Amino acid sequence: MSGTPDTSPRHVFDVKTLEMLVCPLTKTRLTLSADRSELISVAARLAFPIIKGVPLLSLDEARNVEPEALRQLPELGGEH
């Protein structure tokens, strides 16, 4: 089943949920991607997909993220 992602309100990831989730590998905080389609674990360099508003936090579903892509995340772009 391919096509455009379902963006109905029922299938949109609730950003408040992000505060409760951690990377299943490193147990560190996750960052929402700019297009809101993935949760990124900077520590593990993994991206977990969000399908119909549900984050798939399985290592089998994750993809590797290049270090350069991590530096482009808005949250990591500047000094804290």
PDB file of N, CA and C in Angstrom:
ATOM      1  N   MET A   1       0.849  -1.179   0.000  1.00  0.00           N
ATOM      2  CA  MET A   1       0.000   0.000   0.000  1.00  0.00           C
ATOM      3  C   MET A   1       0.892   1.240   0.000  1.00  0.00           C
ATOM      4  N   SER A   2       1.017   1.889  -1.113  1.00  0.00           N
ATOM      5  CA  SER A   2       1.860   3.067  -1.196  1.00  0.00           C
ATOM      6  C   SER A   2       1.009   4.277  -1.536  1.00  0.00           C
ATOM      7  N   GLY A   3       1.653   5.421  -1.487  1.00  0.00           N
ATOM      8  CA  GLY A   3       0.933   6.651  -1.772  1.00  0.00           C
ATOM      9  C   GLY A   3       1.370   7.724  -0.809  1.00  0.00           C
ATOM     10  N   THR A   4       0.594   8.771  -0.723  1.00  0.00           N
ATOM     11  CA  THR A   4       0.940   9.859   0.175  1.00  0.00           C
ATOM     12  C   THR A   4       0.588   9.481   1.608  1.00  0.00           C
ATOM     13  N   PRO A   5       1.349   9.989   2.563  1.00  0.00           N
ATOM     14  CA  PRO A   5       1.044   9.680   3.958  1.00  0.00           C
ATOM     15  C   PRO A   5      -0.307  10.237   4.365  1.00  0.00           C
ATOM     16  N   ASP A   6      -0.973   9.525   5.253  1.00  0.00           N
ATOM     17  CA  ASP A   6      -2.269   9.964   5.755  1.00  0.00           C
ATOM     18  C   ASP A   6      -2.037  11.087   6.761  1.00  0.00           C
ATOM     19  N   THR A   7      -2.560  12.261   6.484  1.00  0.00           N
ATOM     20  CA  THR A   7      -2.353  13.400   7.366  1.00  0.00           C
ATOM     21  C   THR A   7      -3.626  13.815   8.083  1.00  0.00           C
ATOM     22  N   SER A   8      -4.588  12.911   8.189  1.00  0.00           N
ATOM     23  CA  SER A   8      -5.787  13.240   8.938  1.00  0.00           C
ATOM     24  C   SER A   8      -5.386  13.477  10.395  1.00  0.00           C
ATOM     25  N   PRO A   9      -6.120  14.307  11.122  1.00  0.00           N
ATOM     26  CA  PRO A   9      -5.758  14.602  12.514  1.00  0.00           C
ATOM     27  C   PRO A   9      -5.560  13.335  13.358  1.00  0.00           C
ATOM     28  N   ARG A  10      -6.275  12.308  13.030  1.00  0.00           N
ATOM     29  CA  ARG A  10      -6.175  11.064  13.775  1.00  0.00           C
ATOM     30  C   ARG A  10      -4.809  10.395  13.589  1.00  0.00           C
ATOM     31  N   HIS A  11      -4.147  10.681  12.469  1.00  0.00           N
ATOM     32  CA  HIS A  11      -2.893  10.030  12.142  1.00  0.00           C
ATOM     33  C   HIS A  11      -1.696  10.972  12.198  1.00  0.00           C
ATOM     34  N   VAL A  12      -1.784  12.018  12.980  1.00  0.00           N
ATOM     35  CA  VAL A  12      -0.673  12.954  13.138  1.00  0.00           C
ATOM     36  C   VAL A  12      -0.015  12.686  14.481  1.00  0.00           C
ATOM     37  N   PHE A  13       1.315  12.629  14.477  1.00  0.00           N
ATOM     38  CA  PHE A  13       2.057  12.371  15.706  1.00  0.00           C
ATOM     39  C   PHE A  13       1.878  13.527  16.684  1.00  0.00           C
ATOM     40  N   ASP A  14       1.511  13.202  17.910  1.00  0.00           N
ATOM     41  CA  ASP A  14       1.336  14.202  18.957  1.00  0.00           C
ATOM     42  C   ASP A  14       2.696  14.529  19.558  1.00  0.00           C
ATOM     43  N   VAL A  15       3.160  15.753  19.365  1.00  0.00           N
ATOM     44  CA  VAL A  15       4.487  16.161  19.819  1.00  0.00           C
ATOM     45  C   VAL A  15       4.636  16.008  21.338  1.00  0.00           C
ATOM     46  N   LYS A  16       3.557  16.123  22.093  1.00  0.00           N
ATOM     47  CA  LYS A  16       3.624  15.951  23.547  1.00  0.00           C
ATOM     48  C   LYS A  16       4.099  14.541  23.911  1.00  0.00           C
ATOM     49  N   THR A  17       3.775  13.581  23.058  1.00  0.00           N
ATOM     50  CA  THR A  17       4.190  12.203  23.280  1.00  0.00           C
ATOM     51  C   THR A  17       5.710  12.072  23.236  1.00  0.00           C
ATOM     52  N   LEU A  18       6.360  12.926  22.478  1.00  0.00           N
ATOM     53  CA  LEU A  18       7.812  12.882  22.329  1.00  0.00           C
ATOM     54  C   LEU A  18       8.533  12.957  23.676  1.00  0.00           C
ATOM     55  N   GLU A  19       7.976  13.691  24.618  1.00  0.00           N
ATOM     56  CA  GLU A  19       8.593  13.845  25.936  1.00  0.00           C
ATOM     57  C   GLU A  19       8.668  12.524  26.699  1.00  0.00           C
ATOM     58  N   MET A  20       7.828  11.569  26.351  1.00  0.00           N
ATOM     59  CA  MET A  20       7.782  10.291  27.062  1.00  0.00           C
ATOM     60  C   MET A  20       8.593   9.193  26.389  1.00  0.00           C
ATOM     61  N   LEU A  21       9.033   9.425  25.160  1.00  0.00           N
ATOM     62  CA  LEU A  21       9.697   8.374  24.398  1.00  0.00           C
ATOM     63  C   LEU A  21      11.214   8.506  24.443  1.00  0.00           C
ATOM     64  N   VAL A  22      11.894   7.370  24.420  1.00  0.00           N
ATOM     65  CA  VAL A  22      13.354   7.348  24.343  1.00  0.00           C
ATOM     66  C   VAL A  22      13.776   6.321  23.297  1.00  0.00           C
ATOM     67  N   CYS A  23      15.017   6.430  22.870  1.00  0.00           N
ATOM     68  CA  CYS A  23      15.579   5.480  21.923  1.00  0.00           C
ATOM     69  C   CYS A  23      15.627   4.099  22.582  1.00  0.00           C
ATOM     70  N   PRO A  24      15.168   3.068  21.896  1.00  0.00           N
ATOM     71  CA  PRO A  24      15.186   1.726  22.495  1.00  0.00           C
ATOM     72  C   PRO A  24      16.597   1.169  22.671  1.00  0.00           C
ATOM     73  N   LEU A  25      17.578   1.715  21.956  1.00  0.00           N
ATOM     74  CA  LEU A  25      18.949   1.237  22.053  1.00  0.00           C
ATOM     75  C   LEU A  25      19.739   1.970  23.129  1.00  0.00           C
ATOM     76  N   THR A  26      19.688   3.306  23.108  1.00  0.00           N
ATOM     77  CA  THR A  26      20.519   4.111  24.019  1.00  0.00           C
ATOM     78  C   THR A  26      19.761   4.682  25.209  1.00  0.00           C
ATOM     79  N   LYS A  27      18.443   4.635  25.168  1.00  0.00           N
ATOM     80  CA  LYS A  27      17.577   5.212  26.216  1.00  0.00           C
ATOM     81  C   LYS A  27      17.750   6.727  26.331  1.00  0.00           C
ATOM     82  N   THR A  28      18.171   7.361  25.239  1.00  0.00           N
ATOM     83  CA  THR A  28      18.323   8.815  25.217  1.00  0.00           C
ATOM     84  C   THR A  28      17.129   9.445  24.520  1.00  0.00           C
ATOM     85  N   ARG A  29      17.030  10.753  24.646  1.00  0.00           N
ATOM     86  CA  ARG A  29      15.933  11.534  24.080  1.00  0.00           C
ATOM     87  C   ARG A  29      15.901  11.429  22.556  1.00  0.00           C
ATOM     88  N   LEU A  30      14.714  11.525  21.992  1.00  0.00           N
ATOM     89  CA  LEU A  30      14.518  11.501  20.545  1.00  0.00           C
ATOM     90  C   LEU A  30      14.154  12.897  20.049  1.00  0.00           C
ATOM     91  N   THR A  31      14.484  13.164  18.795  1.00  0.00           N
ATOM     92  CA  THR A  31      14.195  14.448  18.165  1.00  0.00           C
ATOM     93  C   THR A  31      13.284  14.213  16.971  1.00  0.00           C
ATOM     94  N   LEU A  32      12.269  15.043  16.820  1.00  0.00           N
ATOM     95  CA  LEU A  32      11.349  14.943  15.690  1.00  0.00           C
ATOM     96  C   LEU A  32      12.015  15.535  14.455  1.00  0.00           C
ATOM     97  N   SER A  33      11.964  14.809  13.336  1.00  0.00           N
ATOM     98  CA  SER A  33      12.552  15.305  12.091  1.00  0.00           C
ATOM     99  C   SER A  33      11.776  16.530  11.602  1.00  0.00           C
ATOM    100  N   ALA A  34      12.414  17.315  10.740  1.00  0.00           N
ATOM    101  CA  ALA A  34      11.805  18.545  10.238  1.00  0.00           C
ATOM    102  C   ALA A  34      10.486  18.279   9.526  1.00  0.00           C
ATOM    103  N   ASP A  35      10.397  17.163   8.821  1.00  0.00           N
ATOM    104  CA  ASP A  35       9.159  16.857   8.106  1.00  0.00           C
ATOM    105  C   ASP A  35       8.171  16.046   8.948  1.00  0.00           C
ATOM    106  N   ARG A  36       8.529  15.812  10.214  1.00  0.00           N
ATOM    107  CA  ARG A  36       7.682  15.128  11.192  1.00  0.00           C
ATOM    108  C   ARG A  36       7.361  13.686  10.806  1.00  0.00           C
ATOM    109  N   SER A  37       8.230  13.063  10.007  1.00  0.00           N
ATOM    110  CA  SER A  37       7.982  11.691   9.567  1.00  0.00           C
ATOM    111  C   SER A  37       8.831  10.667  10.313  1.00  0.00           C
ATOM    112  N   GLU A  38       9.778  11.167  11.137  1.00  0.00           N
ATOM    113  CA  GLU A  38      10.673  10.258  11.851  1.00  0.00           C
ATOM    114  C   GLU A  38      11.048  10.827  13.210  1.00  0.00           C
ATOM    115  N   LEU A  39      11.415   9.918  14.109  1.00  0.00           N
ATOM    116  CA  LEU A  39      12.028  10.298  15.368  1.00  0.00           C
ATOM    117  C   LEU A  39      13.501   9.920  15.262  1.00  0.00           C
ATOM    118  N   ILE A  40      14.371  10.860  15.583  1.00  0.00           N
ATOM    119  CA  ILE A  40      15.810  10.671  15.415  1.00  0.00           C
ATOM    120  C   ILE A  40      16.468  10.472  16.769  1.00  0.00           C
ATOM    121  N   SER A  41      17.297   9.425  16.852  1.00  0.00           N
ATOM    122  CA  SER A  41      18.160   9.220  18.007  1.00  0.00           C
ATOM    123  C   SER A  41      19.553   9.681  17.601  1.00  0.00           C
ATOM    124  N   VAL A  42      19.966  10.830  18.113  1.00  0.00           N
ATOM    125  CA  VAL A  42      21.281  11.371  17.781  1.00  0.00           C
ATOM    126  C   VAL A  42      22.366  10.448  18.318  1.00  0.00           C
ATOM    127  N   ALA A  43      22.207   9.958  19.530  1.00  0.00           N
ATOM    128  CA  ALA A  43      23.210   9.107  20.157  1.00  0.00           C
ATOM    129  C   ALA A  43      23.434   7.809  19.373  1.00  0.00           C
ATOM    130  N   ALA A  44      22.370   7.227  18.859  1.00  0.00           N
ATOM    131  CA  ALA A  44      22.475   5.961  18.132  1.00  0.00           C
ATOM    132  C   ALA A  44      22.622   6.160  16.624  1.00  0.00           C
ATOM    133  N   ARG A  45      22.436   7.412  16.154  1.00  0.00           N
ATOM    134  CA  ARG A  45      22.442   7.715  14.721  1.00  0.00           C
ATOM    135  C   ARG A  45      21.418   6.865  13.965  1.00  0.00           C
ATOM    136  N   LEU A  46      20.221   6.811  14.543  1.00  0.00           N
ATOM    137  CA  LEU A  46      19.126   6.058  13.953  1.00  0.00           C
ATOM    138  C   LEU A  46      17.894   6.943  13.799  1.00  0.00           C
ATOM    139  N   ALA A  47      17.105   6.643  12.775  1.00  0.00           N
ATOM    140  CA  ALA A  47      15.825   7.322  12.555  1.00  0.00           C
ATOM    141  C   ALA A  47      14.722   6.274  12.566  1.00  0.00           C
ATOM    142  N   PHE A  48      13.725   6.509  13.384  1.00  0.00           N
ATOM    143  CA  PHE A  48      12.593   5.599  13.516  1.00  0.00           C
ATOM    144  C   PHE A  48      11.387   6.221  12.815  1.00  0.00           C
ATOM    145  N   PRO A  49      10.739   5.490  11.906  1.00  0.00           N
ATOM    146  CA  PRO A  49       9.610   6.068  11.158  1.00  0.00           C
ATOM    147  C   PRO A  49       8.380   6.281  12.033  1.00  0.00           C
ATOM    148  N   ILE A  50       7.588   7.262  11.632  1.00  0.00           N
ATOM    149  CA  ILE A  50       6.278   7.502  12.244  1.00  0.00           C
ATOM    150  C   ILE A  50       5.254   7.165  11.164  1.00  0.00           C
ATOM    151  N   ILE A  51       4.467   6.124  11.405  1.00  0.00           N
ATOM    152  CA  ILE A  51       3.472   5.673  10.430  1.00  0.00           C
ATOM    153  C   ILE A  51       2.074   5.901  11.011  1.00  0.00           C
ATOM    154  N   LYS A  52       1.276   6.681  10.301  1.00  0.00           N
ATOM    155  CA  LYS A  52      -0.088   7.014  10.737  1.00  0.00           C
ATOM    156  C   LYS A  52      -0.111   7.514  12.176  1.00  0.00           C
ATOM    157  N   GLY A  53       0.873   8.353  12.520  1.00  0.00           N
ATOM    158  CA  GLY A  53       0.929   8.952  13.851  1.00  0.00           C
ATOM    159  C   GLY A  53       1.540   8.074  14.919  1.00  0.00           C
ATOM    160  N   VAL A  54       1.979   6.873  14.559  1.00  0.00           N
ATOM    161  CA  VAL A  54       2.531   5.935  15.541  1.00  0.00           C
ATOM    162  C   VAL A  54       4.023   5.748  15.283  1.00  0.00           C
ATOM    163  N   PRO A  55       4.883   6.095  16.251  1.00  0.00           N
ATOM    164  CA  PRO A  55       6.310   5.872  16.061  1.00  0.00           C
ATOM    165  C   PRO A  55       6.647   4.390  16.181  1.00  0.00           C
ATOM    166  N   LEU A  56       7.403   3.881  15.221  1.00  0.00           N
ATOM    167  CA  LEU A  56       7.823   2.484  15.235  1.00  0.00           C
ATOM    168  C   LEU A  56       9.237   2.419  15.825  1.00  0.00           C
ATOM    169  N   LEU A  57       9.300   2.201  17.125  1.00  0.00           N
ATOM    170  CA  LEU A  57      10.578   2.235  17.835  1.00  0.00           C
ATOM    171  C   LEU A  57      11.219   0.853  17.904  1.00  0.00           C
ATOM    172  N   SER A  58      11.263   0.202  16.781  1.00  0.00           N
ATOM    173  CA  SER A  58      11.892  -1.109  16.663  1.00  0.00           C
ATOM    174  C   SER A  58      13.204  -0.930  15.896  1.00  0.00           C
ATOM    175  N   LEU A  59      14.252  -1.604  16.356  1.00  0.00           N
ATOM    176  CA  LEU A  59      15.531  -1.509  15.656  1.00  0.00           C
ATOM    177  C   LEU A  59      15.420  -2.069  14.240  1.00  0.00           C
ATOM    178  N   ASP A  60      14.493  -2.984  14.021  1.00  0.00           N
ATOM    179  CA  ASP A  60      14.273  -3.538  12.681  1.00  0.00           C
ATOM    180  C   ASP A  60      13.679  -2.501  11.728  1.00  0.00           C
ATOM    181  N   GLU A  61      12.960  -1.531  12.263  1.00  0.00           N
ATOM    182  CA  GLU A  61      12.326  -0.496  11.445  1.00  0.00           C
ATOM    183  C   GLU A  61      13.228   0.728  11.248  1.00  0.00           C
ATOM    184  N   ALA A  62      14.256   0.867  12.065  1.00  0.00           N
ATOM    185  CA  ALA A  62      15.110   2.055  12.043  1.00  0.00           C
ATOM    186  C   ALA A  62      16.034   2.064  10.830  1.00  0.00           C
ATOM    187  N   ARG A  63      16.407   3.267  10.432  1.00  0.00           N
ATOM    188  CA  ARG A  63      17.417   3.426   9.385  1.00  0.00           C
ATOM    189  C   ARG A  63      18.593   4.199   9.956  1.00  0.00           C
ATOM    190  N   ASN A  64      19.778   3.967   9.407  1.00  0.00           N
ATOM    191  CA  ASN A  64      20.970   4.687   9.844  1.00  0.00           C
ATOM    192  C   ASN A  64      20.919   6.115   9.331  1.00  0.00           C
ATOM    193  N   VAL A  65      21.428   7.040  10.149  1.00  0.00           N
ATOM    194  CA  VAL A  65      21.476   8.456   9.783  1.00  0.00           C
ATOM    195  C   VAL A  65      22.938   8.873   9.731  1.00  0.00           C
ATOM    196  N   GLU A  66      23.306   9.514   8.648  1.00  0.00           N
ATOM    197  CA  GLU A  66      24.686   9.992   8.487  1.00  0.00           C
ATOM    198  C   GLU A  66      24.950  11.153   9.450  1.00  0.00           C
ATOM    199  N   PRO A  67      26.187  11.239   9.968  1.00  0.00           N
ATOM    200  CA  PRO A  67      26.523  12.329  10.902  1.00  0.00           C
ATOM    201  C   PRO A  67      26.221  13.717  10.339  1.00  0.00           C
ATOM    202  N   GLU A  68      26.437  13.914   9.042  1.00  0.00           N
ATOM    203  CA  GLU A  68      26.159  15.223   8.430  1.00  0.00           C
ATOM    204  C   GLU A  68      24.671  15.574   8.545  1.00  0.00           C
ATOM    205  N   ALA A  69      23.809  14.601   8.366  1.00  0.00           N
ATOM    206  CA  ALA A  69      22.369  14.831   8.484  1.00  0.00           C
ATOM    207  C   ALA A  69      22.002  15.196   9.925  1.00  0.00           C
ATOM    208  N   LEU A  70      22.692  14.609  10.895  1.00  0.00           N
ATOM    209  CA  LEU A  70      22.417  14.938  12.295  1.00  0.00           C
ATOM    210  C   LEU A  70      22.758  16.388  12.603  1.00  0.00           C
ATOM    211  N   ARG A  71      23.838  16.879  12.017  1.00  0.00           N
ATOM    212  CA  ARG A  71      24.247  18.273  12.260  1.00  0.00           C
ATOM    213  C   ARG A  71      23.241  19.263  11.695  1.00  0.00           C
ATOM    214  N   GLN A  72      22.423  18.839  10.756  1.00  0.00           N
ATOM    215  CA  GLN A  72      21.447  19.718  10.140  1.00  0.00           C
ATOM    216  C   GLN A  72      20.137  19.780  10.906  1.00  0.00           C
ATOM    217  N   LEU A  73      20.002  18.978  11.949  1.00  0.00           N
ATOM    218  CA  LEU A  73      18.775  19.036  12.750  1.00  0.00           C
ATOM    219  C   LEU A  73      18.701  20.410  13.416  1.00  0.00           C
ATOM    220  N   PRO A  74      17.559  21.078  13.336  1.00  0.00           N
ATOM    221  CA  PRO A  74      17.419  22.428  13.897  1.00  0.00           C
ATOM    222  C   PRO A  74      17.790  22.487  15.373  1.00  0.00           C
ATOM    223  N   GLU A  75      17.442  21.460  16.121  1.00  0.00           N
ATOM    224  CA  GLU A  75      17.673  21.448  17.555  1.00  0.00           C
ATOM    225  C   GLU A  75      19.165  21.426  17.897  1.00  0.00           C
ATOM    226  N   LEU A  76      20.000  20.911  16.985  1.00  0.00           N
ATOM    227  CA  LEU A  76      21.422  20.781  17.245  1.00  0.00           C
ATOM    228  C   LEU A  76      22.241  21.858  16.561  1.00  0.00           C
ATOM    229  N   GLY A  77      21.573  22.759  15.879  1.00  0.00           N
ATOM    230  CA  GLY A  77      22.278  23.731  15.045  1.00  0.00           C
ATOM    231  C   GLY A  77      23.033  24.805  15.776  1.00  0.00           C
ATOM    232  N   GLY A  78      22.679  25.129  16.989  1.00  0.00           N
ATOM    233  CA  GLY A  78      23.332  26.255  17.646  1.00  0.00           C
ATOM    234  C   GLY A  78      23.781  25.910  19.049  1.00  0.00           C
ATOM    235  N   GLU A  79      24.363  26.887  19.686  1.00  0.00           N
ATOM    236  CA  GLU A  79      24.829  26.737  21.065  1.00  0.00           C
ATOM    237  C   GLU A  79      23.619  26.704  21.999  1.00  0.00           C
ATOM    238  N   HIS A  80      23.733  25.974  23.072  1.00  0.00           N
ATOM    239  CA  HIS A  80      22.633  25.886  24.049  1.00  0.00           C
ATOM    240  C   HIS A  80      22.904  26.775  25.220  1.00  0.00           C
TER     241      HIS A  80
END
